[in-house]
Amino acid sequence: MTEITRHHTAKRMSQIVEHGDTIYLAGQVGTSGAPVARQTQDCLDKIDALLAEVGSDKTRILQTTIWLADMKDFAEMNAVWDAWVPEGHAPARACGEAKLATPEYLVEFIVVAAR
């Protein structure tokens, strides 16, 4: 049976879960109250750091789910995302609108990656 390893685990969730060569990240949010571009960059910086911690990187992302508090921020978020994703390594992706944990959060990223 394949081992499951959890990192940065608290009572409610783990920031990273590894199962075989698949890496699951908890939803990442940015600086509360900042503009969506800043929050997006914060999320992507956290994703970079978490993936590096377990021997992966953004070129290995399989799937990303993005939640925006308001779809009016779609273009601004995408400008930051498009600059971050390496050419030829765009993952499968979905983006939708959702009420996030607090009104100060404008965007949340959920990532599944390979090692």
C-alpha atoms as a PDB file:
ATOM      1  CA  MET A   1       0.000   0.000   0.000  1.00  0.00           C
ATOM      2  CA  THR A   2       1.323   3.448  -0.931  1.00  0.00           C
ATOM      3  CA  GLU A   3       2.377   5.587   2.007  1.00  0.00           C
ATOM      4  CA  ILE A   4       0.583   8.885   2.748  1.00  0.00           C
ATOM      5  CA  THR A   5       2.777  11.642   4.193  1.00  0.00           C
ATOM      6  CA  ARG A   6       1.418  14.881   5.598  1.00  0.00           C
ATOM      7  CA  HIS A   7       3.345  18.132   6.179  1.00  0.00           C
ATOM      8  CA  HIS A   8       2.445  21.219   8.223  1.00  0.00           C
ATOM      9  CA  THR A   9      -0.448  19.341   9.763  1.00  0.00           C
ATOM     10  CA  ALA A  10      -2.844  20.917  12.232  1.00  0.00           C
ATOM     11  CA  LYS A  11      -6.135  19.619  13.584  1.00  0.00           C
ATOM     12  CA  ARG A  12      -8.125  20.884  10.574  1.00  0.00           C
ATOM     13  CA  MET A  13      -5.812  20.271   7.610  1.00  0.00           C
ATOM     14  CA  SER A  14      -2.356  19.637   6.226  1.00  0.00           C
ATOM     15  CA  GLN A  15      -0.697  22.123   3.885  1.00  0.00           C
ATOM     16  CA  ILE A  16       0.854  19.277   1.868  1.00  0.00           C
ATOM     17  CA  VAL A  17      -0.234  15.657   1.442  1.00  0.00           C
ATOM     18  CA  GLU A  18       1.935  13.229  -0.532  1.00  0.00           C
ATOM     19  CA  HIS A  19       0.586   9.955  -1.885  1.00  0.00           C
ATOM     20  CA  GLY A  20       3.141   8.140  -3.978  1.00  0.00           C
ATOM     21  CA  ASP A  21       4.422  10.692  -6.476  1.00  0.00           C
ATOM     22  CA  THR A  22       1.294  12.851  -6.282  1.00  0.00           C
ATOM     23  CA  ILE A  23       1.323  16.018  -4.190  1.00  0.00           C
ATOM     24  CA  TYR A  24      -1.836  17.730  -2.969  1.00  0.00           C
ATOM     25  CA  LEU A  25      -1.702  21.264  -1.581  1.00  0.00           C
ATOM     26  CA  ALA A  26      -4.291  22.838   0.684  1.00  0.00           C
ATOM     27  CA  GLY A  27      -6.001  25.942  -0.640  1.00  0.00           C
ATOM     28  CA  GLN A  28      -3.545  28.844  -0.649  1.00  0.00           C
ATOM     29  CA  VAL A  29      -4.632  32.420   0.016  1.00  0.00           C
ATOM     30  CA  GLY A  30      -2.718  35.697  -0.049  1.00  0.00           C
ATOM     31  CA  THR A  31      -2.478  38.778   2.108  1.00  0.00           C
ATOM     32  CA  SER A  32      -5.922  39.497   3.509  1.00  0.00           C
ATOM     33  CA  GLY A  33      -7.326  42.778   2.185  1.00  0.00           C
ATOM     34  CA  ALA A  34      -4.668  43.254  -0.527  1.00  0.00           C
ATOM     35  CA  PRO A  35      -5.669  43.760  -4.184  1.00  0.00           C
ATOM     36  CA  VAL A  36      -6.302  40.580  -6.188  1.00  0.00           C
ATOM     37  CA  ALA A  37      -3.010  40.835  -8.099  1.00  0.00           C
ATOM     38  CA  ARG A  38      -1.028  40.897  -4.842  1.00  0.00           C
ATOM     39  CA  GLN A  39      -3.096  38.063  -3.354  1.00  0.00           C
ATOM     40  CA  THR A  40      -2.575  36.010  -6.519  1.00  0.00           C
ATOM     41  CA  GLN A  41       1.204  36.522  -6.404  1.00  0.00           C
ATOM     42  CA  ASP A  42       1.216  35.627  -2.696  1.00  0.00           C
ATOM     43  CA  CYS A  43      -0.611  32.376  -3.480  1.00  0.00           C
ATOM     44  CA  LEU A  44       1.769  31.494  -6.293  1.00  0.00           C
ATOM     45  CA  ASP A  45       4.810  32.238  -4.102  1.00  0.00           C
ATOM     46  CA  LYS A  46       3.414  29.903  -1.421  1.00  0.00           C
ATOM     47  CA  ILE A  47       2.777  27.214  -4.035  1.00  0.00           C
ATOM     48  CA  ASP A  48       6.377  27.516  -5.262  1.00  0.00           C
ATOM     49  CA  ALA A  49       7.709  27.147  -1.706  1.00  0.00           C
ATOM     50  CA  LEU A  50       5.483  24.214  -0.764  1.00  0.00           C
ATOM     51  CA  LEU A  51       6.246  22.286  -3.958  1.00  0.00           C
ATOM     52  CA  ALA A  52       9.989  22.884  -3.536  1.00  0.00           C
ATOM     53  CA  GLU A  53       9.769  21.504  -0.005  1.00  0.00           C
ATOM     54  CA  VAL A  54       8.686  18.108  -1.369  1.00  0.00           C
ATOM     55  CA  GLY A  55      10.907  18.003  -4.448  1.00  0.00           C
ATOM     56  CA  SER A  56       8.560  19.387  -7.089  1.00  0.00           C
ATOM     57  CA  ASP A  57       7.943  22.677  -8.883  1.00  0.00           C
ATOM     58  CA  LYS A  58       5.405  24.551 -10.990  1.00  0.00           C
ATOM     59  CA  THR A  59       6.398  22.658 -14.157  1.00  0.00           C
ATOM     60  CA  ARG A  60       5.011  19.517 -12.469  1.00  0.00           C
ATOM     61  CA  ILE A  61       1.540  20.888 -11.626  1.00  0.00           C
ATOM     62  CA  LEU A  62      -1.165  18.580 -12.952  1.00  0.00           C
ATOM     63  CA  GLN A  63      -4.275  20.529 -11.992  1.00  0.00           C
ATOM     64  CA  THR A  64      -5.166  23.863 -10.444  1.00  0.00           C
ATOM     65  CA  THR A  65      -8.546  25.000  -9.157  1.00  0.00           C
ATOM     66  CA  ILE A  66      -8.902  28.740  -8.623  1.00  0.00           C
ATOM     67  CA  TRP A  67     -11.701  30.331  -6.629  1.00  0.00           C
ATOM     68  CA  LEU A  68     -12.356  34.049  -7.030  1.00  0.00           C
ATOM     69  CA  ALA A  69     -14.629  35.932  -4.658  1.00  0.00           C
ATOM     70  CA  ASP A  70     -15.817  37.920  -7.689  1.00  0.00           C
ATOM     71  CA  MET A  71     -15.328  37.026 -11.366  1.00  0.00           C
ATOM     72  CA  LYS A  72     -14.746  40.730 -12.091  1.00  0.00           C
ATOM     73  CA  ASP A  73     -11.174  39.994 -10.922  1.00  0.00           C
ATOM     74  CA  PHE A  74     -10.661  37.244 -13.538  1.00  0.00           C
ATOM     75  CA  ALA A  75      -8.498  39.293 -15.941  1.00  0.00           C
ATOM     76  CA  GLU A  76      -6.333  40.794 -13.177  1.00  0.00           C
ATOM     77  CA  MET A  77      -5.737  37.370 -11.610  1.00  0.00           C
ATOM     78  CA  ASN A  78      -4.982  35.842 -15.028  1.00  0.00           C
ATOM     79  CA  ALA A  79      -2.351  38.505 -15.778  1.00  0.00           C
ATOM     80  CA  VAL A  80      -0.353  37.363 -12.741  1.00  0.00           C
ATOM     81  CA  TRP A  81      -1.041  33.665 -13.417  1.00  0.00           C
ATOM     82  CA  ASP A  82      -0.008  33.919 -17.092  1.00  0.00           C
ATOM     83  CA  ALA A  83       3.317  35.551 -16.143  1.00  0.00           C
ATOM     84  CA  TRP A  84       3.986  32.764 -13.591  1.00  0.00           C
ATOM     85  CA  VAL A  85       3.125  29.611 -15.583  1.00  0.00           C
ATOM     86  CA  PRO A  86       6.148  28.381 -17.567  1.00  0.00           C
ATOM     87  CA  GLU A  87       5.607  28.188 -21.340  1.00  0.00           C
ATOM     88  CA  GLY A  88       4.473  24.685 -22.295  1.00  0.00           C
ATOM     89  CA  HIS A  89       3.649  23.667 -18.703  1.00  0.00           C
ATOM     90  CA  ALA A  90       0.103  24.973 -18.220  1.00  0.00           C
ATOM     91  CA  PRO A  91      -1.831  22.525 -16.019  1.00  0.00           C
ATOM     92  CA  ALA A  92      -5.447  21.475 -16.363  1.00  0.00           C
ATOM     93  CA  ARG A  93      -7.299  24.359 -14.735  1.00  0.00           C
ATOM     94  CA  ALA A  94     -10.708  25.478 -13.558  1.00  0.00           C
ATOM     95  CA  CYS A  95     -11.720  28.864 -12.189  1.00  0.00           C
ATOM     96  CA  GLY A  96     -14.994  29.785 -10.566  1.00  0.00           C
ATOM     97  CA  GLU A  97     -16.609  32.233  -8.217  1.00  0.00           C
ATOM     98  CA  ALA A  98     -17.138  31.300  -4.584  1.00  0.00           C
ATOM     99  CA  LYS A  99     -17.626  32.905  -1.202  1.00  0.00           C
ATOM    100  CA  LEU A 100     -14.208  32.493   0.463  1.00  0.00           C
ATOM    101  CA  ALA A 101     -13.410  32.085   4.170  1.00  0.00           C
ATOM    102  CA  THR A 102     -13.493  35.828   4.836  1.00  0.00           C
ATOM    103  CA  PRO A 103     -14.510  38.790   2.659  1.00  0.00           C
ATOM    104  CA  GLU A 104     -10.885  40.041   2.696  1.00  0.00           C
ATOM    105  CA  TYR A 105      -9.750  37.017   0.654  1.00  0.00           C
ATOM    106  CA  LEU A 106     -10.273  37.560  -3.072  1.00  0.00           C
ATOM    107  CA  VAL A 107      -8.632  34.426  -4.530  1.00  0.00           C
ATOM    108  CA  GLU A 108      -7.682  30.893  -3.464  1.00  0.00           C
ATOM    109  CA  PHE A 109      -5.599  28.313  -5.357  1.00  0.00           C
ATOM    110  CA  ILE A 110      -5.793  24.535  -4.947  1.00  0.00           C
ATOM    111  CA  VAL A 111      -3.023  22.516  -6.605  1.00  0.00           C
ATOM    112  CA  VAL A 112      -2.292  18.870  -7.433  1.00  0.00           C
ATOM    113  CA  ALA A 113       1.209  18.156  -8.720  1.00  0.00           C
ATOM    114  CA  ALA A 114       3.566  15.295  -9.558  1.00  0.00           C
ATOM    115  CA  ARG A 115       6.953  14.851  -7.971  1.00  0.00           C
END
